[in-house]
Amino acid sequence: AIRRSAPGTDMRAFMGLVAALALTSCAVAPPPAADPASDAPEAAFVRPRATKLPDSYAEAIGAWRTPSEVNAWIGARFEYDHPRALQLSESQRASGPRIRIHEPELFFERPAGVCVDLARFAVDTLRTVAPAANAAYVMIEFDPVVVAGHTLRRHWIVRFEVDGKLYFFADSKRPGHVAGPYHSTRQFIDQYAQYRQRRIVSFRVLESYERKLKQKAPRANRAAG
């Protein structure tokens, strides 16, 4: 059975580690302007080094308590899957069969994917190990770019909260980086558009990466004649 410490102990540790994480994020300058045609990490982006990492997802969720621990694993392990990015492009999704987003357990075993795979891992994991962080998806819609005949438009990252401030991470463009604190998602989005060198058309904070299907209104029951 997984042993968990007392809730008060977890929260104190959570707040202390995130406070340290926030200071680190503010002290480190953002990387140079990014290649606008790709969601993959920049070649010059330096990942933070992690200490000993869990051997399994079950071990991870039994040990992790904070976003900083999830972030350290992401920085050390995540690899971008370029062919999968084209499979999940706007044009491919419109014409081909639906492609499943990696489940967290499988992603832990083989941490290669694209932005939405990474975001799902971070959100699901944080909701398990640090529910007070209120993890949510941020779906960003850029002006479209065409790569190898495929239209790329959407990008996914993760938002979490500490003491009323907002932080953003699990970004395939800079794995292991935490941006924040911010007072609003709009404040982050404005800075992120400058970093990505792409105009952001819209953004939404979502509970799920899955698109909700519109339900048809029920037919009115016919009156008996």
C-alpha atoms as a PDB file:
ATOM      1  CA  ALA A   1       0.000   0.000   0.000  1.00  0.00           C
ATOM      2  CA  ILE A   2       1.154   3.550  -0.724  1.00  0.00           C
ATOM      3  CA  ARG A   3       1.990   5.513   2.425  1.00  0.00           C
ATOM      4  CA  ARG A   4       0.991   9.148   2.399  1.00  0.00           C
ATOM      5  CA  SER A   5       1.997  11.744   4.949  1.00  0.00           C
ATOM      6  CA  ALA A   6      -0.505  13.862   6.846  1.00  0.00           C
ATOM      7  CA  PRO A   7      -2.426  16.381   4.683  1.00  0.00           C
ATOM      8  CA  GLY A   8      -1.012  19.353   6.584  1.00  0.00           C
ATOM      9  CA  THR A   9       2.536  18.136   6.021  1.00  0.00           C
ATOM     10  CA  ASP A  10       1.910  17.684   2.306  1.00  0.00           C
ATOM     11  CA  MET A  11       0.497  21.197   1.957  1.00  0.00           C
ATOM     12  CA  ARG A  12       3.371  22.840   3.833  1.00  0.00           C
ATOM     13  CA  ALA A  13       5.863  20.997   1.644  1.00  0.00           C
ATOM     14  CA  PHE A  14       3.841  21.889  -1.449  1.00  0.00           C
ATOM     15  CA  MET A  15       3.845  25.603  -0.635  1.00  0.00           C
ATOM     16  CA  GLY A  16       7.535  25.655   0.245  1.00  0.00           C
ATOM     17  CA  LEU A  17       8.670  23.879  -2.897  1.00  0.00           C
ATOM     18  CA  VAL A  18       6.466  25.935  -5.201  1.00  0.00           C
ATOM     19  CA  ALA A  19       7.680  29.152  -3.608  1.00  0.00           C
ATOM     20  CA  ALA A  20      11.262  28.080  -4.331  1.00  0.00           C
ATOM     21  CA  LEU A  21      10.236  27.068  -7.836  1.00  0.00           C
ATOM     22  CA  ALA A  22       8.662  30.476  -8.448  1.00  0.00           C
ATOM     23  CA  LEU A  23      11.819  32.277  -7.394  1.00  0.00           C
ATOM     24  CA  THR A  24      13.861  30.092  -9.732  1.00  0.00           C
ATOM     25  CA  SER A  25      11.500  30.727 -12.642  1.00  0.00           C
ATOM     26  CA  CYS A  26      11.635  34.491 -12.141  1.00  0.00           C
ATOM     27  CA  ALA A  27      15.423  34.515 -11.843  1.00  0.00           C
ATOM     28  CA  VAL A  28      16.067  32.634 -15.077  1.00  0.00           C
ATOM     29  CA  ALA A  29      15.699  34.639 -18.285  1.00  0.00           C
ATOM     30  CA  PRO A  30      13.402  33.126 -20.930  1.00  0.00           C
ATOM     31  CA  PRO A  31      15.104  31.356 -23.830  1.00  0.00           C
ATOM     32  CA  PRO A  32      15.681  33.202 -27.115  1.00  0.00           C
ATOM     33  CA  ALA A  33      12.759  33.682 -29.481  1.00  0.00           C
ATOM     34  CA  ALA A  34      11.465  30.343 -30.699  1.00  0.00           C
ATOM     35  CA  ASP A  35      11.147  28.769 -34.119  1.00  0.00           C
ATOM     36  CA  PRO A  36       7.541  29.675 -34.994  1.00  0.00           C
ATOM     37  CA  ALA A  37       7.017  26.607 -37.196  1.00  0.00           C
ATOM     38  CA  SER A  38       7.434  23.950 -34.495  1.00  0.00           C
ATOM     39  CA  ASP A  39       6.181  23.008 -31.026  1.00  0.00           C
ATOM     40  CA  ALA A  40       9.358  20.986 -30.408  1.00  0.00           C
ATOM     41  CA  PRO A  41      11.950  22.147 -27.860  1.00  0.00           C
ATOM     42  CA  GLU A  42      14.535  24.594 -29.115  1.00  0.00           C
ATOM     43  CA  ALA A  43      17.965  23.091 -29.720  1.00  0.00           C
ATOM     44  CA  ALA A  44      19.505  25.770 -27.493  1.00  0.00           C
ATOM     45  CA  PHE A  45      17.028  25.264 -24.653  1.00  0.00           C
ATOM     46  CA  VAL A  46      18.835  23.937 -21.569  1.00  0.00           C
ATOM     47  CA  ARG A  47      16.798  21.478 -19.531  1.00  0.00           C
ATOM     48  CA  PRO A  48      17.041  21.432 -15.747  1.00  0.00           C
ATOM     49  CA  ARG A  49      18.661  18.321 -14.318  1.00  0.00           C
ATOM     50  CA  ALA A  50      16.665  16.066 -12.046  1.00  0.00           C
ATOM     51  CA  THR A  51      17.820  13.908  -9.160  1.00  0.00           C
ATOM     52  CA  LYS A  52      16.728  10.275  -8.863  1.00  0.00           C
ATOM     53  CA  LEU A  53      13.495   9.678 -10.750  1.00  0.00           C
ATOM     54  CA  PRO A  54      10.754   7.137  -9.950  1.00  0.00           C
ATOM     55  CA  ASP A  55      10.938   3.793 -11.736  1.00  0.00           C
ATOM     56  CA  SER A  56       7.194   3.512 -12.390  1.00  0.00           C
ATOM     57  CA  TYR A  57       4.098   5.693 -12.577  1.00  0.00           C
ATOM     58  CA  ALA A  58       2.701   4.012  -9.452  1.00  0.00           C
ATOM     59  CA  GLU A  59       5.881   4.923  -7.589  1.00  0.00           C
ATOM     60  CA  ALA A  60       5.700   8.468  -8.937  1.00  0.00           C
ATOM     61  CA  ILE A  61       2.171   9.218  -7.784  1.00  0.00           C
ATOM     62  CA  GLY A  62       2.961   7.643  -4.435  1.00  0.00           C
ATOM     63  CA  ALA A  63       5.949   9.936  -3.937  1.00  0.00           C
ATOM     64  CA  TRP A  64       5.209  13.185  -5.738  1.00  0.00           C
ATOM     65  CA  ARG A  65       3.332  15.955  -3.912  1.00  0.00           C
ATOM     66  CA  THR A  66       4.084  19.146  -5.865  1.00  0.00           C
ATOM     67  CA  PRO A  67       4.185  20.597  -9.382  1.00  0.00           C
ATOM     68  CA  SER A  68       7.954  21.005  -9.061  1.00  0.00           C
ATOM     69  CA  GLU A  69       8.411  17.224  -8.816  1.00  0.00           C
ATOM     70  CA  VAL A  70       6.224  16.592 -11.864  1.00  0.00           C
ATOM     71  CA  ASN A  71       8.066  19.340 -13.709  1.00  0.00           C
ATOM     72  CA  ALA A  72      11.484  17.877 -12.880  1.00  0.00           C
ATOM     73  CA  TRP A  73      10.467  14.549 -14.431  1.00  0.00           C
ATOM     74  CA  ILE A  74       9.142  16.300 -17.542  1.00  0.00           C
ATOM     75  CA  GLY A  75      12.377  18.242 -17.956  1.00  0.00           C
ATOM     76  CA  ALA A  76      14.469  15.095 -17.665  1.00  0.00           C
ATOM     77  CA  ARG A  77      12.394  12.654 -19.705  1.00  0.00           C
ATOM     78  CA  PHE A  78      10.122  14.270 -22.299  1.00  0.00           C
ATOM     79  CA  GLU A  79      11.000  13.785 -25.977  1.00  0.00           C
ATOM     80  CA  TYR A  80       9.120  15.417 -28.835  1.00  0.00           C
ATOM     81  CA  ASP A  81       7.598  13.098 -31.460  1.00  0.00           C
ATOM     82  CA  HIS A  82       7.756  14.941 -34.800  1.00  0.00           C
ATOM     83  CA  PRO A  83       5.858  12.350 -36.920  1.00  0.00           C
ATOM     84  CA  ARG A  84       3.050  12.276 -34.340  1.00  0.00           C
ATOM     85  CA  ALA A  85       2.750  16.061 -34.549  1.00  0.00           C
ATOM     86  CA  LEU A  86       1.865  15.755 -38.239  1.00  0.00           C
ATOM     87  CA  GLN A  87      -0.591  12.930 -37.476  1.00  0.00           C
ATOM     88  CA  LEU A  88      -2.386  15.231 -35.022  1.00  0.00           C
ATOM     89  CA  SER A  89      -2.343  18.267 -37.320  1.00  0.00           C
ATOM     90  CA  GLU A  90      -5.565  20.070 -38.201  1.00  0.00           C
ATOM     91  CA  SER A  91      -5.599  18.705 -41.753  1.00  0.00           C
ATOM     92  CA  GLN A  92      -4.875  15.117 -40.715  1.00  0.00           C
ATOM     93  CA  ARG A  93      -7.491  15.095 -37.945  1.00  0.00           C
ATOM     94  CA  ALA A  94     -10.102  16.367 -40.348  1.00  0.00           C
ATOM     95  CA  SER A  95      -9.516  13.582 -42.882  1.00  0.00           C
ATOM     96  CA  GLY A  96      -8.249  10.593 -40.926  1.00  0.00           C
ATOM     97  CA  PRO A  97      -9.367   8.397 -38.007  1.00  0.00           C
ATOM     98  CA  ARG A  98      -9.207   9.762 -34.489  1.00  0.00           C
ATOM     99  CA  ILE A  99      -5.824   9.298 -32.782  1.00  0.00           C
ATOM    100  CA  ARG A 100      -5.847   8.586 -29.038  1.00  0.00           C
ATOM    101  CA  ILE A 101      -3.916  10.849 -26.689  1.00  0.00           C
ATOM    102  CA  HIS A 102      -1.373   8.935 -24.604  1.00  0.00           C
ATOM    103  CA  GLU A 103      -2.570   7.821 -21.179  1.00  0.00           C
ATOM    104  CA  PRO A 104      -0.354   8.926 -18.252  1.00  0.00           C
ATOM    105  CA  GLU A 105       0.826   5.425 -17.338  1.00  0.00           C
ATOM    106  CA  LEU A 106       1.883   4.661 -20.912  1.00  0.00           C
ATOM    107  CA  PHE A 107       3.418   8.093 -21.337  1.00  0.00           C
ATOM    108  CA  PHE A 108       5.526   7.531 -18.217  1.00  0.00           C
ATOM    109  CA  GLU A 109       6.902   4.307 -19.712  1.00  0.00           C
ATOM    110  CA  ARG A 110       7.650   5.948 -23.062  1.00  0.00           C
ATOM    111  CA  PRO A 111       7.696   9.731 -22.578  1.00  0.00           C
ATOM    112  CA  ALA A 112       7.614  10.684 -26.264  1.00  0.00           C
ATOM    113  CA  GLY A 113       4.725  12.658 -27.707  1.00  0.00           C
ATOM    114  CA  VAL A 114       3.442  16.107 -28.553  1.00  0.00           C
ATOM    115  CA  CYS A 115       2.052  19.035 -26.606  1.00  0.00           C
ATOM    116  CA  VAL A 116      -1.347  17.514 -25.834  1.00  0.00           C
ATOM    117  CA  ASP A 117       0.198  14.208 -24.662  1.00  0.00           C
ATOM    118  CA  LEU A 118       2.444  16.120 -22.280  1.00  0.00           C
ATOM    119  CA  ALA A 119      -0.409  18.317 -21.080  1.00  0.00           C
ATOM    120  CA  ARG A 120      -2.626  15.319 -20.340  1.00  0.00           C
ATOM    121  CA  PHE A 121       0.151  13.682 -18.336  1.00  0.00           C
ATOM    122  CA  ALA A 122       0.711  16.840 -16.281  1.00  0.00           C
ATOM    123  CA  VAL A 123      -2.964  17.581 -15.632  1.00  0.00           C
ATOM    124  CA  ASP A 124      -3.942  14.019 -14.700  1.00  0.00           C
ATOM    125  CA  THR A 125      -0.880  13.629 -12.494  1.00  0.00           C
ATOM    126  CA  LEU A 126      -1.311  16.952 -10.691  1.00  0.00           C
ATOM    127  CA  ARG A 127      -4.988  16.255 -10.076  1.00  0.00           C
ATOM    128  CA  THR A 128      -3.890  13.071  -8.302  1.00  0.00           C
ATOM    129  CA  VAL A 129      -0.855  14.239  -6.324  1.00  0.00           C
ATOM    130  CA  ALA A 130      -1.642  17.945  -5.771  1.00  0.00           C
ATOM    131  CA  PRO A 131      -5.375  18.595  -6.209  1.00  0.00           C
ATOM    132  CA  ALA A 132      -5.058  21.982  -4.460  1.00  0.00           C
ATOM    133  CA  ALA A 133      -3.129  23.234  -7.496  1.00  0.00           C
ATOM    134  CA  ASN A 134      -6.348  23.193  -9.593  1.00  0.00           C
ATOM    135  CA  ALA A 135      -4.569  22.003 -12.724  1.00  0.00           C
ATOM    136  CA  ALA A 136      -6.275  22.915 -16.007  1.00  0.00           C
ATOM    137  CA  TYR A 137      -5.545  22.815 -19.715  1.00  0.00           C
ATOM    138  CA  VAL A 138      -4.806  25.953 -21.700  1.00  0.00           C
ATOM    139  CA  MET A 139      -5.597  25.511 -25.381  1.00  0.00           C
ATOM    140  CA  ILE A 140      -3.883  28.134 -27.538  1.00  0.00           C
ATOM    141  CA  GLU A 141      -4.903  28.770 -31.113  1.00  0.00           C
ATOM    142  CA  PHE A 142      -2.199  30.409 -33.237  1.00  0.00           C
ATOM    143  CA  ASP A 143      -2.355  31.764 -36.723  1.00  0.00           C
ATOM    144  CA  PRO A 144      -1.928  28.531 -38.731  1.00  0.00           C
ATOM    145  CA  VAL A 145       1.387  27.436 -40.212  1.00  0.00           C
ATOM    146  CA  VAL A 146       1.842  24.722 -42.848  1.00  0.00           C
ATOM    147  CA  VAL A 147       4.600  22.154 -42.318  1.00  0.00           C
ATOM    148  CA  ALA A 148       5.090  19.401 -44.938  1.00  0.00           C
ATOM    149  CA  GLY A 149       1.570  20.030 -46.191  1.00  0.00           C
ATOM    150  CA  HIS A 150       0.004  19.794 -42.725  1.00  0.00           C
ATOM    151  CA  THR A 151      -1.747  22.703 -41.018  1.00  0.00           C
ATOM    152  CA  LEU A 152      -0.608  23.285 -37.426  1.00  0.00           C
ATOM    153  CA  ARG A 153      -2.665  25.637 -35.301  1.00  0.00           C
ATOM    154  CA  ARG A 154      -3.369  24.449 -31.738  1.00  0.00           C
ATOM    155  CA  HIS A 155      -0.992  24.164 -28.815  1.00  0.00           C
ATOM    156  CA  TRP A 156      -1.637  22.819 -25.306  1.00  0.00           C
ATOM    157  CA  ILE A 157       0.002  23.696 -22.002  1.00  0.00           C
ATOM    158  CA  VAL A 158      -1.011  23.417 -18.327  1.00  0.00           C
ATOM    159  CA  ARG A 159      -1.966  26.033 -15.752  1.00  0.00           C
ATOM    160  CA  PHE A 160      -1.878  25.589 -11.979  1.00  0.00           C
ATOM    161  CA  GLU A 161      -2.475  27.865  -8.990  1.00  0.00           C
ATOM    162  CA  VAL A 162      -0.607  28.700  -5.797  1.00  0.00           C
ATOM    163  CA  ASP A 163      -1.773  31.398  -3.352  1.00  0.00           C
ATOM    164  CA  GLY A 164      -4.026  32.938  -5.979  1.00  0.00           C
ATOM    165  CA  LYS A 165      -1.183  33.263  -8.497  1.00  0.00           C
ATOM    166  CA  LEU A 166      -1.031  31.390 -11.806  1.00  0.00           C
ATOM    167  CA  TYR A 167       1.830  29.293 -13.185  1.00  0.00           C
ATOM    168  CA  PHE A 168       2.205  27.596 -16.567  1.00  0.00           C
ATOM    169  CA  PHE A 169       4.234  24.503 -17.443  1.00  0.00           C
ATOM    170  CA  ALA A 170       4.232  21.156 -19.322  1.00  0.00           C
ATOM    171  CA  ASP A 171       5.063  23.063 -22.501  1.00  0.00           C
ATOM    172  CA  SER A 172       6.566  20.861 -25.220  1.00  0.00           C
ATOM    173  CA  LYS A 173       8.476  23.928 -26.436  1.00  0.00           C
ATOM    174  CA  ARG A 174      10.417  24.253 -23.175  1.00  0.00           C
ATOM    175  CA  PRO A 175      10.039  21.095 -21.051  1.00  0.00           C
ATOM    176  CA  GLY A 176      11.083  21.593 -17.455  1.00  0.00           C
ATOM    177  CA  HIS A 177      10.322  25.331 -17.513  1.00  0.00           C
ATOM    178  CA  VAL A 178       7.725  26.928 -15.237  1.00  0.00           C
ATOM    179  CA  ALA A 179       6.438  30.388 -16.154  1.00  0.00           C
ATOM    180  CA  GLY A 180       5.043  32.571 -13.403  1.00  0.00           C
ATOM    181  CA  PRO A 181       3.706  33.897 -11.210  1.00  0.00           C
ATOM    182  CA  TYR A 182       1.031  35.714 -13.218  1.00  0.00           C
ATOM    183  CA  HIS A 183      -2.102  37.535 -12.136  1.00  0.00           C
ATOM    184  CA  SER A 184      -4.082  36.330 -15.143  1.00  0.00           C
ATOM    185  CA  THR A 185      -3.904  33.895 -18.020  1.00  0.00           C
ATOM    186  CA  ARG A 186      -4.078  36.841 -20.439  1.00  0.00           C
ATOM    187  CA  GLN A 187      -0.881  38.258 -18.944  1.00  0.00           C
ATOM    188  CA  PHE A 188       0.914  34.991 -19.676  1.00  0.00           C
ATOM    189  CA  ILE A 189      -0.585  34.670 -23.165  1.00  0.00           C
ATOM    190  CA  ASP A 190       0.649  38.123 -24.189  1.00  0.00           C
ATOM    191  CA  GLN A 191       4.213  37.229 -23.185  1.00  0.00           C
ATOM    192  CA  TYR A 192       3.971  33.775 -24.718  1.00  0.00           C
ATOM    193  CA  ALA A 193       2.972  35.182 -28.123  1.00  0.00           C
ATOM    194  CA  GLN A 194       6.138  37.282 -28.099  1.00  0.00           C
ATOM    195  CA  TYR A 195       8.285  34.278 -27.215  1.00  0.00           C
ATOM    196  CA  ARG A 196       6.707  32.058 -29.877  1.00  0.00           C
ATOM    197  CA  GLN A 197       6.796  34.776 -32.564  1.00  0.00           C
ATOM    198  CA  ARG A 198       3.252  33.806 -33.565  1.00  0.00           C
ATOM    199  CA  ARG A 199       0.006  35.692 -33.232  1.00  0.00           C
ATOM    200  CA  ILE A 200      -2.381  34.023 -30.800  1.00  0.00           C
ATOM    201  CA  VAL A 201      -5.894  34.167 -32.220  1.00  0.00           C
ATOM    202  CA  SER A 202      -7.616  32.843 -29.102  1.00  0.00           C
ATOM    203  CA  PHE A 203      -7.090  30.775 -25.963  1.00  0.00           C
ATOM    204  CA  ARG A 204      -9.284  28.848 -23.571  1.00  0.00           C
ATOM    205  CA  VAL A 205      -8.836  27.364 -20.105  1.00  0.00           C
ATOM    206  CA  LEU A 206     -10.406  23.903 -20.192  1.00  0.00           C
ATOM    207  CA  GLU A 207     -11.063  21.012 -17.843  1.00  0.00           C
ATOM    208  CA  SER A 208     -10.424  18.444 -20.579  1.00  0.00           C
ATOM    209  CA  TYR A 209      -8.478  18.160 -23.835  1.00  0.00           C
ATOM    210  CA  GLU A 210     -11.409  16.295 -25.389  1.00  0.00           C
ATOM    211  CA  ARG A 211     -13.813  18.232 -27.536  1.00  0.00           C
ATOM    212  CA  LYS A 212     -17.354  18.093 -26.185  1.00  0.00           C
ATOM    213  CA  LEU A 213     -19.864  16.910 -28.724  1.00  0.00           C
ATOM    214  CA  LYS A 214     -22.945  19.042 -29.118  1.00  0.00           C
ATOM    215  CA  GLN A 215     -26.034  17.196 -28.041  1.00  0.00           C
ATOM    216  CA  LYS A 216     -29.089  17.378 -30.233  1.00  0.00           C
ATOM    217  CA  ALA A 217     -32.162  18.809 -28.609  1.00  0.00           C
ATOM    218  CA  PRO A 218     -34.648  16.038 -27.789  1.00  0.00           C
ATOM    219  CA  ARG A 219     -37.660  15.833 -30.042  1.00  0.00           C
ATOM    220  CA  ALA A 220     -40.885  17.041 -28.516  1.00  0.00           C
ATOM    221  CA  ASN A 221     -43.165  14.202 -27.651  1.00  0.00           C
ATOM    222  CA  ARG A 222     -46.048  13.998 -30.038  1.00  0.00           C
ATOM    223  CA  ALA A 223     -49.429  14.464 -28.462  1.00  0.00           C
ATOM    224  CA  ALA A 224     -51.655  11.449 -28.675  1.00  0.00           C
ATOM    225  CA  GLY A 225     -54.321  12.067 -31.359  1.00  0.00           C
END
